[in-house]
Amino acid sequence: MSEEINEEKKTEETSSSKKLFAKTLKQYLDKSVEVSKKGLKSAGSAISEFGDKSVNKIDIVQLKNHLVKKYQELGQAVAEQLAEDGISISKDSIVVSEKLSSIKELKEKIHEKEEALKKYEK
Protein backbone atom coordinates (compact mmCIF):
# COMPACT_ATOMS: atom_id res chain seq x y z
CA MET A 1 0.00 0.00 0.00
CA SER A 2 2.85 2.34 0.75
CA GLU A 3 4.17 1.72 -2.73
CA GLU A 4 0.83 2.69 -4.24
CA ILE A 5 0.81 5.94 -2.28
CA ASN A 6 4.39 6.67 -3.34
CA GLU A 7 3.47 5.95 -6.97
CA GLU A 8 0.46 8.26 -6.74
CA LYS A 9 2.65 11.03 -5.24
CA LYS A 10 5.24 10.55 -7.97
CA THR A 11 2.52 10.63 -10.61
CA GLU A 12 1.03 13.79 -9.08
CA GLU A 13 4.48 15.41 -8.81
CA THR A 14 5.28 14.47 -12.40
CA SER A 15 1.91 15.74 -13.57
CA SER A 16 2.31 19.02 -11.67
CA SER A 17 5.88 19.40 -12.97
CA LYS A 18 4.66 18.86 -16.49
CA LYS A 19 1.90 21.42 -16.00
CA LEU A 20 4.36 23.94 -14.55
CA PHE A 21 6.78 23.32 -17.41
CA ALA A 22 3.99 23.69 -19.98
CA LYS A 23 2.80 26.90 -18.34
CA THR A 24 6.32 28.35 -18.23
CA LEU A 25 6.98 27.33 -21.82
CA LYS A 26 3.70 28.93 -22.93
CA GLN A 27 4.66 32.18 -21.13
CA TYR A 28 8.05 32.23 -22.87
CA LEU A 29 6.45 31.57 -26.24
CA ASP A 30 3.84 34.27 -25.70
CA LYS A 31 6.54 36.75 -24.70
CA SER A 32 8.67 35.88 -27.74
CA VAL A 33 5.67 36.30 -30.06
CA GLU A 34 4.96 39.70 -28.49
CA VAL A 35 8.58 40.81 -28.91
CA SER A 36 8.60 39.55 -32.51
CA LYS A 37 5.45 41.53 -33.30
CA LYS A 38 7.00 44.70 -31.88
CA GLY A 39 10.17 44.12 -33.88
CA LEU A 40 8.26 43.57 -37.11
CA LYS A 41 6.17 46.67 -36.50
CA SER A 42 9.32 48.77 -35.98
CA ALA A 43 10.93 47.30 -39.08
CA GLY A 44 7.80 48.00 -41.10
CA SER A 45 7.78 51.63 -39.99
CA ALA A 46 11.46 52.03 -40.86
CA ILE A 47 10.94 50.50 -44.30
CA SER A 48 7.93 52.72 -44.95
CA GLU A 49 9.85 55.84 -43.92
CA PHE A 50 12.79 54.84 -46.12
CA GLY A 51 10.41 54.38 -49.06
CA ASP A 52 8.79 57.76 -48.50
CA LYS A 53 12.17 59.48 -48.29
CA SER A 54 13.35 57.76 -51.47
CA VAL A 55 10.22 58.76 -53.39
CA ASN A 56 10.64 62.39 -52.30
CA LYS A 57 14.30 62.40 -53.32
CA ILE A 58 13.46 60.95 -56.74
CA ASP A 59 10.67 63.49 -57.20
CA ILE A 60 13.05 66.34 -56.35
CA VAL A 61 15.62 65.14 -58.89
CA GLN A 62 12.95 64.81 -61.59
CA LEU A 63 11.55 68.27 -60.82
CA LYS A 64 15.03 69.82 -60.94
CA ASN A 65 15.68 68.17 -64.30
CA HIS A 66 12.36 69.52 -65.57
CA LEU A 67 13.33 72.96 -64.24
CA VAL A 68 16.58 72.87 -66.24
CA LYS A 69 14.55 72.08 -69.38
CA LYS A 70 12.25 75.02 -68.67
CA TYR A 71 15.24 77.34 -68.34
CA GLN A 72 16.53 76.05 -71.66
CA GLU A 73 13.14 76.67 -73.27
CA LEU A 74 13.10 80.20 -71.84
CA GLY A 75 16.58 80.86 -73.18
CA GLN A 76 15.63 79.53 -76.59
CA ALA A 77 12.44 81.64 -76.71
CA VAL A 78 14.34 84.79 -75.73
CA ALA A 79 17.08 84.07 -78.27
CA GLU A 80 14.51 83.58 -81.03
CA GLN A 81 12.78 86.85 -80.19
CA LEU A 82 16.08 88.72 -80.03
CA ALA A 83 17.04 87.32 -83.42
CA GLU A 84 13.98 88.94 -84.97
CA ASP A 85 14.46 92.60 -85.78
CA GLY A 86 12.23 95.15 -84.10
CA ILE A 87 10.91 92.86 -81.33
CA SER A 88 11.62 93.85 -77.77
CA ILE A 89 11.82 91.40 -74.91
CA SER A 90 10.23 91.85 -71.53
CA LYS A 91 8.95 89.56 -68.83
CA ASP A 92 5.44 90.64 -69.82
CA SER A 93 5.67 89.12 -73.29
CA ILE A 94 3.44 86.08 -73.66
CA VAL A 95 6.17 83.56 -74.39
CA VAL A 96 8.46 84.78 -71.60
CA SER A 97 5.69 85.14 -69.02
CA GLU A 98 4.47 81.58 -69.67
CA LYS A 99 7.97 80.19 -69.27
CA LEU A 100 8.58 82.22 -66.10
CA SER A 101 5.27 81.09 -64.64
CA SER A 102 6.13 77.47 -65.34
CA ILE A 103 9.57 77.93 -63.74
CA LYS A 104 8.02 79.51 -60.65
CA GLU A 105 5.59 76.59 -60.24
CA LEU A 106 8.42 74.06 -60.51
CA LYS A 107 10.47 75.92 -57.90
CA GLU A 108 7.49 75.88 -55.53
CA LYS A 109 7.00 72.13 -56.03
CA ILE A 110 10.70 71.51 -55.39
CA HIS A 111 10.52 73.58 -52.22
CA GLU A 112 7.47 71.60 -51.00
CA LYS A 113 9.22 68.29 -51.63
CA GLU A 114 12.37 69.46 -49.84
CA GLU A 115 10.29 70.57 -46.84
CA ALA A 116 8.55 67.18 -46.79
CA LEU A 117 11.94 65.50 -46.85
CA LYS A 118 13.15 67.58 -43.90
CA LYS A 119 10.46 66.12 -41.61
CA TYR A 120 12.17 62.72 -41.90
CA GLU A 121 15.51 64.16 -40.84
CA LYS A 122 14.18 65.35 -37.47
C-alpha atoms as a PDB file:
ATOM      1  CA  MET A   1       0.000   0.000   0.000  1.00  0.00           C
ATOM      2  CA  SER A   2       2.851   2.337   0.747  1.00  0.00           C
ATOM      3  CA  GLU A   3       4.175   1.724  -2.729  1.00  0.00           C
ATOM      4  CA  GLU A   4       0.827   2.690  -4.242  1.00  0.00           C
ATOM      5  CA  ILE A   5       0.811   5.942  -2.279  1.00  0.00           C
ATOM      6  CA  ASN A   6       4.391   6.672  -3.342  1.00  0.00           C
ATOM      7  CA  GLU A   7       3.474   5.951  -6.965  1.00  0.00           C
ATOM      8  CA  GLU A   8       0.462   8.264  -6.743  1.00  0.00           C
ATOM      9  CA  LYS A   9       2.652  11.029  -5.244  1.00  0.00           C
ATOM     10  CA  LYS A  10       5.239  10.547  -7.974  1.00  0.00           C
ATOM     11  CA  THR A  11       2.517  10.625 -10.605  1.00  0.00           C
ATOM     12  CA  GLU A  12       1.030  13.791  -9.077  1.00  0.00           C
ATOM     13  CA  GLU A  13       4.483  15.406  -8.814  1.00  0.00           C
ATOM     14  CA  THR A  14       5.280  14.467 -12.404  1.00  0.00           C
ATOM     15  CA  SER A  15       1.913  15.740 -13.570  1.00  0.00           C
ATOM     16  CA  SER A  16       2.310  19.023 -11.673  1.00  0.00           C
ATOM     17  CA  SER A  17       5.882  19.400 -12.966  1.00  0.00           C
ATOM     18  CA  LYS A  18       4.662  18.860 -16.492  1.00  0.00           C
ATOM     19  CA  LYS A  19       1.897  21.421 -16.004  1.00  0.00           C
ATOM     20  CA  LEU A  20       4.356  23.940 -14.551  1.00  0.00           C
ATOM     21  CA  PHE A  21       6.779  23.322 -17.405  1.00  0.00           C
ATOM     22  CA  ALA A  22       3.987  23.688 -19.984  1.00  0.00           C
ATOM     23  CA  LYS A  23       2.795  26.903 -18.336  1.00  0.00           C
ATOM     24  CA  THR A  24       6.325  28.353 -18.228  1.00  0.00           C
ATOM     25  CA  LEU A  25       6.979  27.326 -21.822  1.00  0.00           C
ATOM     26  CA  LYS A  26       3.702  28.929 -22.927  1.00  0.00           C
ATOM     27  CA  GLN A  27       4.657  32.175 -21.129  1.00  0.00           C
ATOM     28  CA  TYR A  28       8.045  32.229 -22.870  1.00  0.00           C
ATOM     29  CA  LEU A  29       6.452  31.569 -26.241  1.00  0.00           C
ATOM     30  CA  ASP A  30       3.840  34.270 -25.696  1.00  0.00           C
ATOM     31  CA  LYS A  31       6.539  36.747 -24.704  1.00  0.00           C
ATOM     32  CA  SER A  32       8.671  35.878 -27.745  1.00  0.00           C
ATOM     33  CA  VAL A  33       5.674  36.301 -30.056  1.00  0.00           C
ATOM     34  CA  GLU A  34       4.960  39.695 -28.494  1.00  0.00           C
ATOM     35  CA  VAL A  35       8.580  40.812 -28.909  1.00  0.00           C
ATOM     36  CA  SER A  36       8.598  39.552 -32.507  1.00  0.00           C
ATOM     37  CA  LYS A  37       5.448  41.529 -33.302  1.00  0.00           C
ATOM     38  CA  LYS A  38       6.998  44.699 -31.882  1.00  0.00           C
ATOM     39  CA  GLY A  39      10.171  44.120 -33.880  1.00  0.00           C
ATOM     40  CA  LEU A  40       8.258  43.568 -37.105  1.00  0.00           C
ATOM     41  CA  LYS A  41       6.171  46.675 -36.499  1.00  0.00           C
ATOM     42  CA  SER A  42       9.317  48.765 -35.979  1.00  0.00           C
ATOM     43  CA  ALA A  43      10.933  47.296 -39.076  1.00  0.00           C
ATOM     44  CA  GLY A  44       7.799  47.998 -41.097  1.00  0.00           C
ATOM     45  CA  SER A  45       7.782  51.630 -39.989  1.00  0.00           C
ATOM     46  CA  ALA A  46      11.457  52.027 -40.861  1.00  0.00           C
ATOM     47  CA  ILE A  47      10.940  50.497 -44.299  1.00  0.00           C
ATOM     48  CA  SER A  48       7.931  52.715 -44.952  1.00  0.00           C
ATOM     49  CA  GLU A  49       9.852  55.836 -43.920  1.00  0.00           C
ATOM     50  CA  PHE A  50      12.790  54.843 -46.122  1.00  0.00           C
ATOM     51  CA  GLY A  51      10.411  54.377 -49.064  1.00  0.00           C
ATOM     52  CA  ASP A  52       8.792  57.762 -48.498  1.00  0.00           C
ATOM     53  CA  LYS A  53      12.165  59.480 -48.293  1.00  0.00           C
ATOM     54  CA  SER A  54      13.345  57.761 -51.467  1.00  0.00           C
ATOM     55  CA  VAL A  55      10.219  58.757 -53.386  1.00  0.00           C
ATOM     56  CA  ASN A  56      10.638  62.390 -52.301  1.00  0.00           C
ATOM     57  CA  LYS A  57      14.303  62.404 -53.317  1.00  0.00           C
ATOM     58  CA  ILE A  58      13.463  60.945 -56.736  1.00  0.00           C
ATOM     59  CA  ASP A  59      10.667  63.489 -57.199  1.00  0.00           C
ATOM     60  CA  ILE A  60      13.052  66.342 -56.346  1.00  0.00           C
ATOM     61  CA  VAL A  61      15.618  65.144 -58.891  1.00  0.00           C
ATOM     62  CA  GLN A  62      12.952  64.814 -61.590  1.00  0.00           C
ATOM     63  CA  LEU A  63      11.551  68.267 -60.824  1.00  0.00           C
ATOM     64  CA  LYS A  64      15.029  69.823 -60.942  1.00  0.00           C
ATOM     65  CA  ASN A  65      15.682  68.173 -64.304  1.00  0.00           C
ATOM     66  CA  HIS A  66      12.362  69.518 -65.568  1.00  0.00           C
ATOM     67  CA  LEU A  67      13.333  72.959 -64.239  1.00  0.00           C
ATOM     68  CA  VAL A  68      16.577  72.872 -66.241  1.00  0.00           C
ATOM     69  CA  LYS A  69      14.553  72.081 -69.383  1.00  0.00           C
ATOM     70  CA  LYS A  70      12.252  75.016 -68.672  1.00  0.00           C
ATOM     71  CA  TYR A  71      15.245  77.344 -68.336  1.00  0.00           C
ATOM     72  CA  GLN A  72      16.529  76.048 -71.662  1.00  0.00           C
ATOM     73  CA  GLU A  73      13.141  76.666 -73.267  1.00  0.00           C
ATOM     74  CA  LEU A  74      13.104  80.198 -71.841  1.00  0.00           C
ATOM     75  CA  GLY A  75      16.577  80.863 -73.180  1.00  0.00           C
ATOM     76  CA  GLN A  76      15.629  79.532 -76.590  1.00  0.00           C
ATOM     77  CA  ALA A  77      12.440  81.637 -76.712  1.00  0.00           C
ATOM     78  CA  VAL A  78      14.336  84.793 -75.728  1.00  0.00           C
ATOM     79  CA  ALA A  79      17.081  84.070 -78.271  1.00  0.00           C
ATOM     80  CA  GLU A  80      14.505  83.580 -81.032  1.00  0.00           C
ATOM     81  CA  GLN A  81      12.783  86.850 -80.190  1.00  0.00           C
ATOM     82  CA  LEU A  82      16.078  88.718 -80.025  1.00  0.00           C
ATOM     83  CA  ALA A  83      17.035  87.325 -83.420  1.00  0.00           C
ATOM     84  CA  GLU A  84      13.979  88.937 -84.970  1.00  0.00           C
ATOM     85  CA  ASP A  85      14.460  92.603 -85.782  1.00  0.00           C
ATOM     86  CA  GLY A  86      12.228  95.146 -84.099  1.00  0.00           C
ATOM     87  CA  ILE A  87      10.909  92.856 -81.328  1.00  0.00           C
ATOM     88  CA  SER A  88      11.619  93.849 -77.775  1.00  0.00           C
ATOM     89  CA  ILE A  89      11.820  91.405 -74.909  1.00  0.00           C
ATOM     90  CA  SER A  90      10.235  91.854 -71.526  1.00  0.00           C
ATOM     91  CA  LYS A  91       8.947  89.564 -68.830  1.00  0.00           C
ATOM     92  CA  ASP A  92       5.444  90.645 -69.824  1.00  0.00           C
ATOM     93  CA  SER A  93       5.667  89.121 -73.294  1.00  0.00           C
ATOM     94  CA  ILE A  94       3.436  86.081 -73.660  1.00  0.00           C
ATOM     95  CA  VAL A  95       6.174  83.557 -74.387  1.00  0.00           C
ATOM     96  CA  VAL A  96       8.458  84.785 -71.600  1.00  0.00           C
ATOM     97  CA  SER A  97       5.690  85.145 -69.017  1.00  0.00           C
ATOM     98  CA  GLU A  98       4.472  81.581 -69.668  1.00  0.00           C
ATOM     99  CA  LYS A  99       7.974  80.187 -69.268  1.00  0.00           C
ATOM    100  CA  LEU A 100       8.584  82.220 -66.096  1.00  0.00           C
ATOM    101  CA  SER A 101       5.267  81.087 -64.644  1.00  0.00           C
ATOM    102  CA  SER A 102       6.135  77.466 -65.336  1.00  0.00           C
ATOM    103  CA  ILE A 103       9.571  77.931 -63.737  1.00  0.00           C
ATOM    104  CA  LYS A 104       8.018  79.507 -60.649  1.00  0.00           C
ATOM    105  CA  GLU A 105       5.594  76.588 -60.244  1.00  0.00           C
ATOM    106  CA  LEU A 106       8.419  74.061 -60.506  1.00  0.00           C
ATOM    107  CA  LYS A 107      10.469  75.920 -57.902  1.00  0.00           C
ATOM    108  CA  GLU A 108       7.492  75.882 -55.525  1.00  0.00           C
ATOM    109  CA  LYS A 109       7.005  72.126 -56.028  1.00  0.00           C
ATOM    110  CA  ILE A 110      10.702  71.505 -55.391  1.00  0.00           C
ATOM    111  CA  HIS A 111      10.524  73.577 -52.221  1.00  0.00           C
ATOM    112  CA  GLU A 112       7.467  71.602 -50.998  1.00  0.00           C
ATOM    113  CA  LYS A 113       9.220  68.286 -51.626  1.00  0.00           C
ATOM    114  CA  GLU A 114      12.371  69.465 -49.844  1.00  0.00           C
ATOM    115  CA  GLU A 115      10.292  70.566 -46.844  1.00  0.00           C
ATOM    116  CA  ALA A 116       8.550  67.177 -46.787  1.00  0.00           C
ATOM    117  CA  LEU A 117      11.941  65.501 -46.852  1.00  0.00           C
ATOM    118  CA  LYS A 118      13.147  67.580 -43.898  1.00  0.00           C
ATOM    119  CA  LYS A 119      10.464  66.122 -41.612  1.00  0.00           C
ATOM    120  CA  TYR A 120      12.169  62.723 -41.901  1.00  0.00           C
ATOM    121  CA  GLU A 121      15.507  64.163 -40.838  1.00  0.00           C
ATOM    122  CA  LYS A 122      14.183  65.345 -37.468  1.00  0.00           C
END
